[in-house]
Amino acid sequence: MKREITIRSLAGRGELTLRQGDAGGYWLGTVDWGQVPGQHQEYRHLNQVGSTIVDTIVGTRALSIVGWVLDGGTGDLRERCAFLNAFFSPVEDYILEYEGKKIQFRPDSSIQYPPEYRQNNEKVRKFLLQATCPFPLFSDRTDMAVAFDSTGKLFRFPTNFGQEAPLVMGSQNRAYTAETNNTGGFQTGITARLRFSGTVENPRIRNLTSGKYIGVNRAFHKGELLEISTLPGEKRMTLYPAQGEPENLIRYRDFGGEWIQLLPGRNLLALECANPDQRLSMAVTLFYTPLYLEVE
C-alpha cells in the first residue's frame, strides 16, 4: 500500500504531494505501477525444437494514479481541482518520487473525473491520472558517488618524547582504481567529472570488470573540468574551461572505446592516460544510480 507520493514537474510547475488520509490536501487512493513487457527476438534452425532467444527489448510502463479531492470544510475544492487541471499536461514530463525511488513519466491525457454524482460533487471529487513511463526502470532519488581518492597514514608526530602513542597525521592520497557495487538489477550509465590540476593527455576511464573503456583523445590543462555522461539519452562530453564557454568535445572521443556502463554487482574501475605519471593531475569522481524493475 502506497501511503505517500510526490510528483515534480520538469517544466517548472512545482510539485504535488498526495497522502493517504489527507483531507485538507490531495488524498492518495491507489497507485498501479503496471507491468513491464519483454519482447523477445528469436530465431530457429531447420527442424529445431523450440527457438533461441538472441535479444530482449524491455517495453514502456503504464502508470495509473487514483486520488480524491475533498472539501474538508475549507470551500476551496474547485480551486484545488483547477490546480490539478493546470498542473498535469500530456506534453510535459514529470518525476514521481516514492520511498527513496523515482521514475519519470508523461501523462496520456488530462486529469479524468468520473461522471457519477456520488464521486464528483461539491464535497468530493475522485480523479484518475494515466501516464506512460518511457524509461520503465526506477532509480534512487540521489546518485551514488565514487571518488578515486584514498586516505592514508603518511607520517606520525611523536608526543611526549616517545612516552605516549604518536599522533597519526592523515592525508588524502590520489588513487587510480576504485571499486563500487551496483545494487540494481540492470547495468547503469555514469556521469564522470575529471578536474585537472596539470597537463593530462588522452584520459580514459576503464571498467576492469567488463574490459571496456571510454576516453578522450585530447590534452587537458590546469583548471579545466571535463564531464562525461554515458546515461541513456544523455550521452555527452563537455569541457568547462577555466575561462570561457563550455565546449562540446564529442569529436575527440576515442572511438576505440564505448559508452561504458556499470554491470550489476561489483565493478572495478581504473584511470588511464597517455603518460601514467600524469594521473596525479586528475581528480575524478563518478556518479551513478542503480536501476530497479519493481519497487514495493
C-alpha atoms as a PDB file:
ATOM      1  CA  MET A   1       0.000   0.000   0.000  1.00  0.00           C
ATOM      2  CA  LYS A   2       1.410   3.361  -1.047  1.00  0.00           C
ATOM      3  CA  ARG A   3       0.944   5.981   1.666  1.00  0.00           C
ATOM      4  CA  GLU A   4       2.585   8.987   0.025  1.00  0.00           C
ATOM      5  CA  ILE A   5       3.969  10.023  -3.353  1.00  0.00           C
ATOM      6  CA  THR A   6       5.418  13.289  -4.611  1.00  0.00           C
ATOM      7  CA  ILE A   7       5.164  14.389  -8.239  1.00  0.00           C
ATOM      8  CA  ARG A   8       7.556  17.050  -9.506  1.00  0.00           C
ATOM      9  CA  SER A   9       7.088  18.919 -12.765  1.00  0.00           C
ATOM     10  CA  LEU A  10      10.123  19.122 -15.048  1.00  0.00           C
ATOM     11  CA  ALA A  11       8.554  22.158 -16.736  1.00  0.00           C
ATOM     12  CA  GLY A  12       8.828  24.297 -13.610  1.00  0.00           C
ATOM     13  CA  ARG A  13       5.235  23.983 -12.372  1.00  0.00           C
ATOM     14  CA  GLY A  14       6.352  22.982  -8.879  1.00  0.00           C
ATOM     15  CA  GLU A  15       5.447  19.763  -7.106  1.00  0.00           C
ATOM     16  CA  LEU A  16       2.401  17.959  -5.755  1.00  0.00           C
ATOM     17  CA  THR A  17       2.214  15.562  -2.782  1.00  0.00           C
ATOM     18  CA  LEU A  18      -0.572  13.000  -2.387  1.00  0.00           C
ATOM     19  CA  ARG A  19      -1.050  11.299   1.006  1.00  0.00           C
ATOM     20  CA  GLN A  20      -3.476   8.776   2.364  1.00  0.00           C
ATOM     21  CA  GLY A  21      -5.832  10.404   4.861  1.00  0.00           C
ATOM     22  CA  ASP A  22      -5.002  13.971   3.800  1.00  0.00           C
ATOM     23  CA  ALA A  23      -8.471  15.539   3.887  1.00  0.00           C
ATOM     24  CA  GLY A  24      -7.103  19.062   3.533  1.00  0.00           C
ATOM     25  CA  GLY A  25      -4.940  18.314   0.519  1.00  0.00           C
ATOM     26  CA  TYR A  26      -4.918  15.565  -2.080  1.00  0.00           C
ATOM     27  CA  TRP A  27      -5.967  12.155  -0.773  1.00  0.00           C
ATOM     28  CA  LEU A  28      -3.990   9.301  -2.313  1.00  0.00           C
ATOM     29  CA  GLY A  29      -6.078   6.337  -3.393  1.00  0.00           C
ATOM     30  CA  THR A  30      -4.267   3.632  -5.354  1.00  0.00           C
ATOM     31  CA  VAL A  31      -1.103   3.594  -7.442  1.00  0.00           C
ATOM     32  CA  ASP A  32      -0.678   0.932 -10.117  1.00  0.00           C
ATOM     33  CA  TRP A  33       2.879   0.636 -11.439  1.00  0.00           C
ATOM     34  CA  GLY A  34       1.673  -1.613 -14.249  1.00  0.00           C
ATOM     35  CA  GLN A  35       3.754  -4.401 -15.752  1.00  0.00           C
ATOM     36  CA  VAL A  36       6.799  -4.059 -17.968  1.00  0.00           C
ATOM     37  CA  PRO A  37       6.617  -6.326 -21.041  1.00  0.00           C
ATOM     38  CA  GLY A  38       9.633  -8.007 -22.563  1.00  0.00           C
ATOM     39  CA  GLN A  39       9.672  -8.557 -26.329  1.00  0.00           C
ATOM     40  CA  HIS A  40      11.983 -11.422 -27.282  1.00  0.00           C
ATOM     41  CA  GLN A  41      13.870 -11.598 -30.568  1.00  0.00           C
ATOM     42  CA  GLU A  42      14.055 -15.260 -31.597  1.00  0.00           C
ATOM     43  CA  TYR A  43      15.419 -17.411 -34.395  1.00  0.00           C
ATOM     44  CA  ARG A  44      15.021 -21.065 -35.333  1.00  0.00           C
ATOM     45  CA  HIS A  45      17.103 -23.569 -37.282  1.00  0.00           C
ATOM     46  CA  LEU A  46      15.514 -26.019 -39.653  1.00  0.00           C
ATOM     47  CA  ASN A  47      13.883 -28.824 -37.648  1.00  0.00           C
ATOM     48  CA  GLN A  48      14.809 -27.099 -34.366  1.00  0.00           C
ATOM     49  CA  VAL A  49      12.602 -27.864 -31.385  1.00  0.00           C
ATOM     50  CA  GLY A  50      11.641 -24.570 -29.780  1.00  0.00           C
ATOM     51  CA  SER A  51      13.614 -21.406 -30.506  1.00  0.00           C
ATOM     52  CA  THR A  52      16.681 -19.452 -29.392  1.00  0.00           C
ATOM     53  CA  ILE A  53      16.273 -16.032 -27.781  1.00  0.00           C
ATOM     54  CA  VAL A  54      19.005 -13.691 -29.015  1.00  0.00           C
ATOM     55  CA  ASP A  55      17.793 -10.389 -27.572  1.00  0.00           C
ATOM     56  CA  THR A  56      15.035  -8.914 -25.411  1.00  0.00           C
ATOM     57  CA  ILE A  57      13.564  -5.423 -25.675  1.00  0.00           C
ATOM     58  CA  VAL A  58      12.075  -4.051 -22.440  1.00  0.00           C
ATOM     59  CA  GLY A  59       8.952  -2.021 -23.184  1.00  0.00           C
ATOM     60  CA  THR A  60       7.413   1.027 -21.546  1.00  0.00           C
ATOM     61  CA  ARG A  61       5.499   1.089 -18.255  1.00  0.00           C
ATOM     62  CA  ALA A  62       1.843   2.119 -17.869  1.00  0.00           C
ATOM     63  CA  LEU A  63       1.243   4.169 -14.706  1.00  0.00           C
ATOM     64  CA  SER A  64      -2.139   4.795 -13.083  1.00  0.00           C
ATOM     65  CA  ILE A  65      -2.871   7.004 -10.049  1.00  0.00           C
ATOM     66  CA  VAL A  66      -6.276   7.347  -8.373  1.00  0.00           C
ATOM     67  CA  GLY A  67      -6.890  10.078  -5.807  1.00  0.00           C
ATOM     68  CA  TRP A  68      -9.511  12.253  -4.178  1.00  0.00           C
ATOM     69  CA  VAL A  69     -10.001  15.958  -3.627  1.00  0.00           C
ATOM     70  CA  LEU A  70     -12.087  16.670  -0.505  1.00  0.00           C
ATOM     71  CA  ASP A  71     -13.751  19.876   0.587  1.00  0.00           C
ATOM     72  CA  GLY A  72     -12.646  19.468   4.204  1.00  0.00           C
ATOM     73  CA  GLY A  73     -14.697  22.496   5.243  1.00  0.00           C
ATOM     74  CA  THR A  74     -12.386  24.999   3.564  1.00  0.00           C
ATOM     75  CA  GLY A  75     -14.537  25.619   0.497  1.00  0.00           C
ATOM     76  CA  ASP A  76     -11.579  25.510  -1.894  1.00  0.00           C
ATOM     77  CA  LEU A  77     -12.340  22.205  -3.628  1.00  0.00           C
ATOM     78  CA  ARG A  78     -12.812  23.851  -7.015  1.00  0.00           C
ATOM     79  CA  GLU A  79      -9.549  25.777  -6.668  1.00  0.00           C
ATOM     80  CA  ARG A  80      -7.593  22.626  -5.881  1.00  0.00           C
ATOM     81  CA  CYS A  81      -9.189  20.810  -8.811  1.00  0.00           C
ATOM     82  CA  ALA A  82      -8.253  23.761 -11.019  1.00  0.00           C
ATOM     83  CA  PHE A  83      -4.653  23.379  -9.824  1.00  0.00           C
ATOM     84  CA  LEU A  84      -4.702  19.686 -10.791  1.00  0.00           C
ATOM     85  CA  ASN A  85      -6.075  20.520 -14.228  1.00  0.00           C
ATOM     86  CA  ALA A  86      -3.322  23.078 -14.840  1.00  0.00           C
ATOM     87  CA  PHE A  87      -0.516  21.046 -13.244  1.00  0.00           C
ATOM     88  CA  PHE A  88      -0.758  17.950 -15.453  1.00  0.00           C
ATOM     89  CA  SER A  89      -0.240  18.204 -19.203  1.00  0.00           C
ATOM     90  CA  PRO A  90       0.225  15.426 -21.793  1.00  0.00           C
ATOM     91  CA  VAL A  91       3.029  17.425 -23.449  1.00  0.00           C
ATOM     92  CA  GLU A  92       5.199  17.745 -20.323  1.00  0.00           C
ATOM     93  CA  ASP A  93       7.314  15.344 -18.247  1.00  0.00           C
ATOM     94  CA  TYR A  94       7.205  14.647 -14.521  1.00  0.00           C
ATOM     95  CA  ILE A  95       9.175  12.805 -11.840  1.00  0.00           C
ATOM     96  CA  LEU A  96       7.313  10.595  -9.363  1.00  0.00           C
ATOM     97  CA  GLU A  97       9.137  10.024  -6.060  1.00  0.00           C
ATOM     98  CA  TYR A  98       8.244   7.205  -3.699  1.00  0.00           C
ATOM     99  CA  GLU A  99      10.198   5.938  -0.667  1.00  0.00           C
ATOM    100  CA  GLY A 100      13.639   6.884  -1.912  1.00  0.00           C
ATOM    101  CA  LYS A 101      12.977   5.849  -5.526  1.00  0.00           C
ATOM    102  CA  LYS A 102      11.914   7.854  -8.566  1.00  0.00           C
ATOM    103  CA  ILE A 103      10.623   7.325 -12.097  1.00  0.00           C
ATOM    104  CA  GLN A 104       9.854   9.696 -14.965  1.00  0.00           C
ATOM    105  CA  PHE A 105       6.514   9.743 -16.782  1.00  0.00           C
ATOM    106  CA  ARG A 106       4.340  11.714 -19.192  1.00  0.00           C
ATOM    107  CA  PRO A 107       0.523  11.856 -18.814  1.00  0.00           C
ATOM    108  CA  ASP A 108      -1.533  10.156 -21.511  1.00  0.00           C
ATOM    109  CA  SER A 109      -4.292  12.749 -21.143  1.00  0.00           C
ATOM    110  CA  SER A 110      -5.544  15.481 -18.857  1.00  0.00           C
ATOM    111  CA  ILE A 111      -6.943  14.635 -15.403  1.00  0.00           C
ATOM    112  CA  GLN A 112     -10.081  12.476 -15.618  1.00  0.00           C
ATOM    113  CA  TYR A 113     -13.102  12.835 -13.304  1.00  0.00           C
ATOM    114  CA  PRO A 114     -15.977  10.305 -13.144  1.00  0.00           C
ATOM    115  CA  PRO A 115     -19.434  11.455 -14.290  1.00  0.00           C
ATOM    116  CA  GLU A 116     -21.286   9.898 -11.323  1.00  0.00           C
ATOM    117  CA  TYR A 117     -22.527  12.468  -8.813  1.00  0.00           C
ATOM    118  CA  ARG A 118     -21.547  10.204  -5.907  1.00  0.00           C
ATOM    119  CA  GLN A 119     -17.863  10.549  -6.863  1.00  0.00           C
ATOM    120  CA  ASN A 120     -17.961  14.028  -8.362  1.00  0.00           C
ATOM    121  CA  ASN A 121     -19.859  16.697  -6.429  1.00  0.00           C
ATOM    122  CA  GLU A 122     -19.371  19.858  -4.387  1.00  0.00           C
ATOM    123  CA  LYS A 123     -17.845  17.929  -1.437  1.00  0.00           C
ATOM    124  CA  VAL A 124     -15.627  15.300  -3.041  1.00  0.00           C
ATOM    125  CA  ARG A 125     -14.106  14.591  -6.438  1.00  0.00           C
ATOM    126  CA  LYS A 126     -12.367  11.427  -7.478  1.00  0.00           C
ATOM    127  CA  PHE A 127      -9.681  11.792 -10.141  1.00  0.00           C
ATOM    128  CA  LEU A 128      -7.612   9.480 -12.337  1.00  0.00           C
ATOM    129  CA  LEU A 129      -4.201  10.106 -13.880  1.00  0.00           C
ATOM    130  CA  GLN A 130      -2.968   7.678 -16.531  1.00  0.00           C
ATOM    131  CA  ALA A 131       0.565   8.008 -17.852  1.00  0.00           C
ATOM    132  CA  THR A 132       3.406   6.279 -19.669  1.00  0.00           C
ATOM    133  CA  CYS A 133       6.938   5.807 -18.344  1.00  0.00           C
ATOM    134  CA  PRO A 134       9.127   5.679 -21.489  1.00  0.00           C
ATOM    135  CA  PHE A 135      12.096   4.514 -19.393  1.00  0.00           C
ATOM    136  CA  PRO A 136      10.383   1.842 -17.279  1.00  0.00           C
ATOM    137  CA  LEU A 137      13.015   1.416 -14.544  1.00  0.00           C
ATOM    138  CA  PHE A 138      13.073   3.028 -11.112  1.00  0.00           C
ATOM    139  CA  SER A 139      16.216   4.698  -9.803  1.00  0.00           C
ATOM    140  CA  ASP A 140      17.369   6.034  -6.446  1.00  0.00           C
ATOM    141  CA  ARG A 141      16.438   9.634  -5.681  1.00  0.00           C
ATOM    142  CA  THR A 142      20.085  10.538  -5.068  1.00  0.00           C
ATOM    143  CA  ASP A 143      23.168   9.493  -7.012  1.00  0.00           C
ATOM    144  CA  MET A 144      25.950   7.319  -5.642  1.00  0.00           C
ATOM    145  CA  ALA A 145      29.397   8.963  -5.717  1.00  0.00           C
ATOM    146  CA  VAL A 146      32.657   7.086  -6.320  1.00  0.00           C
ATOM    147  CA  ALA A 147      35.845   9.103  -5.801  1.00  0.00           C
ATOM    148  CA  PHE A 148      39.299   7.983  -6.912  1.00  0.00           C
ATOM    149  CA  ASP A 149      40.787   9.037  -3.574  1.00  0.00           C
ATOM    150  CA  SER A 150      42.018   7.209  -0.506  1.00  0.00           C
ATOM    151  CA  THR A 151      43.042   8.314   2.953  1.00  0.00           C
ATOM    152  CA  GLY A 152      46.450   7.072   4.037  1.00  0.00           C
ATOM    153  CA  LYS A 153      48.692   7.484   7.076  1.00  0.00           C
ATOM    154  CA  LEU A 154      51.656   9.404   5.730  1.00  0.00           C
ATOM    155  CA  PHE A 155      53.641  10.137   8.874  1.00  0.00           C
ATOM    156  CA  ARG A 156      53.424  10.161  12.662  1.00  0.00           C
ATOM    157  CA  PHE A 157      54.031  13.064  15.004  1.00  0.00           C
ATOM    158  CA  PRO A 158      55.761  11.972  18.234  1.00  0.00           C
ATOM    159  CA  THR A 159      54.191  13.088  21.511  1.00  0.00           C
ATOM    160  CA  ASN A 160      55.784  13.448  24.959  1.00  0.00           C
ATOM    161  CA  PHE A 161      59.198  12.435  23.582  1.00  0.00           C
ATOM    162  CA  GLY A 162      58.008   8.984  22.650  1.00  0.00           C
ATOM    163  CA  GLN A 163      56.425   8.190  26.018  1.00  0.00           C
ATOM    164  CA  GLU A 164      52.909   8.234  24.564  1.00  0.00           C
ATOM    165  CA  ALA A 165      51.392   6.835  21.412  1.00  0.00           C
ATOM    166  CA  PRO A 166      52.307   9.021  18.424  1.00  0.00           C
ATOM    167  CA  LEU A 167      49.706  11.214  16.759  1.00  0.00           C
ATOM    168  CA  VAL A 168      48.873   9.898  13.294  1.00  0.00           C
ATOM    169  CA  MET A 169      48.635  12.638  10.685  1.00  0.00           C
ATOM    170  CA  GLY A 170      46.254  11.649   7.880  1.00  0.00           C
ATOM    171  CA  SER A 171      46.333  12.914   4.328  1.00  0.00           C
ATOM    172  CA  GLN A 172      44.335  12.236   1.208  1.00  0.00           C
ATOM    173  CA  ASN A 173      46.208  10.340  -1.498  1.00  0.00           C
ATOM    174  CA  ARG A 174      45.227  10.013  -5.133  1.00  0.00           C
ATOM    175  CA  ALA A 175      44.077   6.522  -6.125  1.00  0.00           C
ATOM    176  CA  TYR A 176      43.999   5.196  -9.665  1.00  0.00           C
ATOM    177  CA  THR A 177      41.412   2.464  -9.093  1.00  0.00           C
ATOM    178  CA  ALA A 178      38.047   2.457  -7.356  1.00  0.00           C
ATOM    179  CA  GLU A 179      35.519  -0.251  -6.593  1.00  0.00           C
ATOM    180  CA  THR A 180      31.756   0.114  -6.366  1.00  0.00           C
ATOM    181  CA  ASN A 181      28.779  -2.197  -6.013  1.00  0.00           C
ATOM    182  CA  ASN A 182      25.841  -1.621  -8.353  1.00  0.00           C
ATOM    183  CA  THR A 183      22.947  -2.939  -6.250  1.00  0.00           C
ATOM    184  CA  GLY A 184      20.391  -2.619  -9.056  1.00  0.00           C
ATOM    185  CA  GLY A 185      19.261  -5.350 -11.395  1.00  0.00           C
ATOM    186  CA  PHE A 186      20.423  -3.650 -14.608  1.00  0.00           C
ATOM    187  CA  GLN A 187      23.572  -2.082 -15.972  1.00  0.00           C
ATOM    188  CA  THR A 188      23.589   1.675 -15.488  1.00  0.00           C
ATOM    189  CA  GLY A 189      25.353   4.658 -17.005  1.00  0.00           C
ATOM    190  CA  ILE A 190      27.696   7.048 -15.223  1.00  0.00           C
ATOM    191  CA  THR A 191      28.474  10.739 -15.038  1.00  0.00           C
ATOM    192  CA  ALA A 192      32.215  11.324 -14.606  1.00  0.00           C
ATOM    193  CA  ARG A 193      33.792  14.623 -13.576  1.00  0.00           C
ATOM    194  CA  LEU A 194      37.518  14.966 -14.214  1.00  0.00           C
ATOM    195  CA  ARG A 195      39.172  18.060 -12.774  1.00  0.00           C
ATOM    196  CA  PHE A 196      42.729  18.756 -13.939  1.00  0.00           C
ATOM    197  CA  SER A 197      45.490  20.353 -11.867  1.00  0.00           C
ATOM    198  CA  GLY A 198      48.112  19.963 -14.603  1.00  0.00           C
ATOM    199  CA  THR A 199      48.542  18.720 -18.160  1.00  0.00           C
ATOM    200  CA  VAL A 200      46.918  15.343 -18.898  1.00  0.00           C
ATOM    201  CA  GLU A 201      46.828  13.741 -22.345  1.00  0.00           C
ATOM    202  CA  ASN A 202      44.172  11.290 -23.546  1.00  0.00           C
ATOM    203  CA  PRO A 203      42.455  10.437 -20.235  1.00  0.00           C
ATOM    204  CA  ARG A 204      40.435   7.226 -20.016  1.00  0.00           C
ATOM    205  CA  ILE A 205      38.142   5.521 -17.543  1.00  0.00           C
ATOM    206  CA  ARG A 206      38.197   1.736 -17.829  1.00  0.00           C
ATOM    207  CA  ASN A 207      35.789  -0.732 -16.269  1.00  0.00           C
ATOM    208  CA  LEU A 208      38.123  -3.626 -15.481  1.00  0.00           C
ATOM    209  CA  THR A 209      35.136  -5.855 -14.760  1.00  0.00           C
ATOM    210  CA  SER A 210      33.726  -5.561 -18.280  1.00  0.00           C
ATOM    211  CA  GLY A 211      37.020  -4.730 -20.013  1.00  0.00           C
ATOM    212  CA  LYS A 212      35.502  -1.673 -21.713  1.00  0.00           C
ATOM    213  CA  TYR A 213      36.644   1.939 -21.513  1.00  0.00           C
ATOM    214  CA  ILE A 214      35.716   5.467 -22.535  1.00  0.00           C
ATOM    215  CA  GLY A 215      38.340   8.049 -23.418  1.00  0.00           C
ATOM    216  CA  VAL A 216      39.019  11.464 -24.931  1.00  0.00           C
ATOM    217  CA  ASN A 217      41.940  11.988 -27.343  1.00  0.00           C
ATOM    218  CA  ARG A 218      42.900  15.486 -26.292  1.00  0.00           C
ATOM    219  CA  ALA A 219      45.260  17.290 -23.925  1.00  0.00           C
ATOM    220  CA  PHE A 220      43.770  18.986 -20.862  1.00  0.00           C
ATOM    221  CA  HIS A 221      45.344  21.651 -18.697  1.00  0.00           C
ATOM    222  CA  LYS A 222      45.231  23.093 -15.204  1.00  0.00           C
ATOM    223  CA  GLY A 223      41.861  24.499 -14.150  1.00  0.00           C
ATOM    224  CA  GLU A 224      39.805  22.629 -16.757  1.00  0.00           C
ATOM    225  CA  LEU A 225      36.880  20.341 -15.932  1.00  0.00           C
ATOM    226  CA  LEU A 226      35.730  17.505 -18.190  1.00  0.00           C
ATOM    227  CA  GLU A 227      32.285  15.992 -17.690  1.00  0.00           C
ATOM    228  CA  ILE A 228      31.372  12.717 -19.398  1.00  0.00           C
ATOM    229  CA  SER A 229      27.886  11.209 -19.313  1.00  0.00           C
ATOM    230  CA  THR A 230      27.052   7.702 -20.550  1.00  0.00           C
ATOM    231  CA  LEU A 231      23.414   7.832 -19.423  1.00  0.00           C
ATOM    232  CA  PRO A 232      20.796   6.688 -21.974  1.00  0.00           C
ATOM    233  CA  GLY A 233      19.623   9.689 -23.968  1.00  0.00           C
ATOM    234  CA  GLU A 234      22.166  11.976 -22.254  1.00  0.00           C
ATOM    235  CA  LYS A 235      25.496  10.868 -23.737  1.00  0.00           C
ATOM    236  CA  ARG A 236      27.901  13.803 -23.880  1.00  0.00           C
ATOM    237  CA  MET A 237      31.456  15.038 -23.355  1.00  0.00           C
ATOM    238  CA  THR A 238      31.628  18.643 -22.177  1.00  0.00           C
ATOM    239  CA  LEU A 239      34.679  20.746 -21.338  1.00  0.00           C
ATOM    240  CA  TYR A 240      34.343  23.546 -18.791  1.00  0.00           C
ATOM    241  CA  PRO A 241      37.487  25.693 -19.215  1.00  0.00           C
ATOM    242  CA  ALA A 242      38.951  27.886 -16.515  1.00  0.00           C
ATOM    243  CA  GLN A 243      37.679  30.823 -18.570  1.00  0.00           C
ATOM    244  CA  GLY A 244      35.200  30.924 -21.413  1.00  0.00           C
ATOM    245  CA  GLU A 245      32.150  28.969 -22.512  1.00  0.00           C
ATOM    246  CA  PRO A 246      31.606  25.189 -22.238  1.00  0.00           C
ATOM    247  CA  GLU A 247      32.732  23.205 -25.290  1.00  0.00           C
ATOM    248  CA  ASN A 248      31.329  20.017 -26.804  1.00  0.00           C
ATOM    249  CA  LEU A 249      34.201  17.508 -27.129  1.00  0.00           C
ATOM    250  CA  ILE A 250      32.310  14.646 -28.731  1.00  0.00           C
ATOM    251  CA  ARG A 251      34.550  14.889 -31.818  1.00  0.00           C
ATOM    252  CA  TYR A 252      37.551  13.999 -29.641  1.00  0.00           C
ATOM    253  CA  ARG A 253      36.007  10.788 -28.319  1.00  0.00           C
ATOM    254  CA  ASP A 254      38.237   7.724 -28.525  1.00  0.00           C
ATOM    255  CA  PHE A 255      36.181   5.671 -30.970  1.00  0.00           C
ATOM    256  CA  GLY A 256      38.010   2.519 -29.937  1.00  0.00           C
ATOM    257  CA  GLY A 257      36.157   2.753 -26.637  1.00  0.00           C
ATOM    258  CA  GLU A 258      32.483   2.593 -25.695  1.00  0.00           C
ATOM    259  CA  TRP A 259      29.945   4.455 -23.580  1.00  0.00           C
ATOM    260  CA  ILE A 260      30.760   2.281 -20.573  1.00  0.00           C
ATOM    261  CA  GLN A 261      28.134   1.057 -18.127  1.00  0.00           C
ATOM    262  CA  LEU A 262      28.337  -0.356 -14.616  1.00  0.00           C
ATOM    263  CA  LEU A 263      27.346  -4.010 -14.524  1.00  0.00           C
ATOM    264  CA  PRO A 264      25.069  -5.330 -11.759  1.00  0.00           C
ATOM    265  CA  GLY A 265      27.217  -6.203  -8.759  1.00  0.00           C
ATOM    266  CA  ARG A 266      30.896  -5.425  -8.232  1.00  0.00           C
ATOM    267  CA  ASN A 267      32.705  -3.113 -10.670  1.00  0.00           C
ATOM    268  CA  LEU A 268      36.421  -2.283 -10.547  1.00  0.00           C
ATOM    269  CA  LEU A 269      37.292   0.979 -12.321  1.00  0.00           C
ATOM    270  CA  ALA A 270      40.681   2.387 -13.311  1.00  0.00           C
ATOM    271  CA  LEU A 271      42.123   5.675 -14.583  1.00  0.00           C
ATOM    272  CA  GLU A 272      44.424   5.739 -17.594  1.00  0.00           C
ATOM    273  CA  CYS A 273      46.162   8.361 -19.740  1.00  0.00           C
ATOM    274  CA  ALA A 274      48.969   8.625 -22.312  1.00  0.00           C
ATOM    275  CA  ASN A 275      51.589   9.152 -19.590  1.00  0.00           C
ATOM    276  CA  PRO A 276      50.757   7.226 -16.383  1.00  0.00           C
ATOM    277  CA  ASP A 277      52.582   9.835 -14.287  1.00  0.00           C
ATOM    278  CA  GLN A 278      50.012  12.428 -15.390  1.00  0.00           C
ATOM    279  CA  ARG A 279      47.260  10.627 -13.479  1.00  0.00           C
ATOM    280  CA  LEU A 280      48.386  12.553 -10.411  1.00  0.00           C
ATOM    281  CA  SER A 281      46.984  15.680 -12.101  1.00  0.00           C
ATOM    282  CA  MET A 282      43.443  14.253 -12.311  1.00  0.00           C
ATOM    283  CA  ALA A 283      40.811  14.392  -9.566  1.00  0.00           C
ATOM    284  CA  VAL A 284      37.995  12.100 -10.706  1.00  0.00           C
ATOM    285  CA  THR A 285      34.563  11.408  -9.232  1.00  0.00           C
ATOM    286  CA  LEU A 286      31.898   9.156 -10.774  1.00  0.00           C
ATOM    287  CA  PHE A 287      28.169   9.457 -10.126  1.00  0.00           C
ATOM    288  CA  TYR A 288      25.559   6.800 -10.868  1.00  0.00           C
ATOM    289  CA  THR A 289      22.254   5.461  -9.634  1.00  0.00           C
ATOM    290  CA  PRO A 290      21.184   1.796  -9.519  1.00  0.00           C
ATOM    291  CA  LEU A 291      18.161   0.803 -11.626  1.00  0.00           C
ATOM    292  CA  TYR A 292      15.264  -1.374 -10.432  1.00  0.00           C
ATOM    293  CA  LEU A 293      12.489  -3.105 -12.338  1.00  0.00           C
ATOM    294  CA  GLU A 294       9.971  -3.016  -9.474  1.00  0.00           C
ATOM    295  CA  VAL A 295       9.508  -1.419  -6.043  1.00  0.00           C
ATOM    296  CA  GLU A 296       7.337  -2.450  -3.106  1.00  0.00           C
END
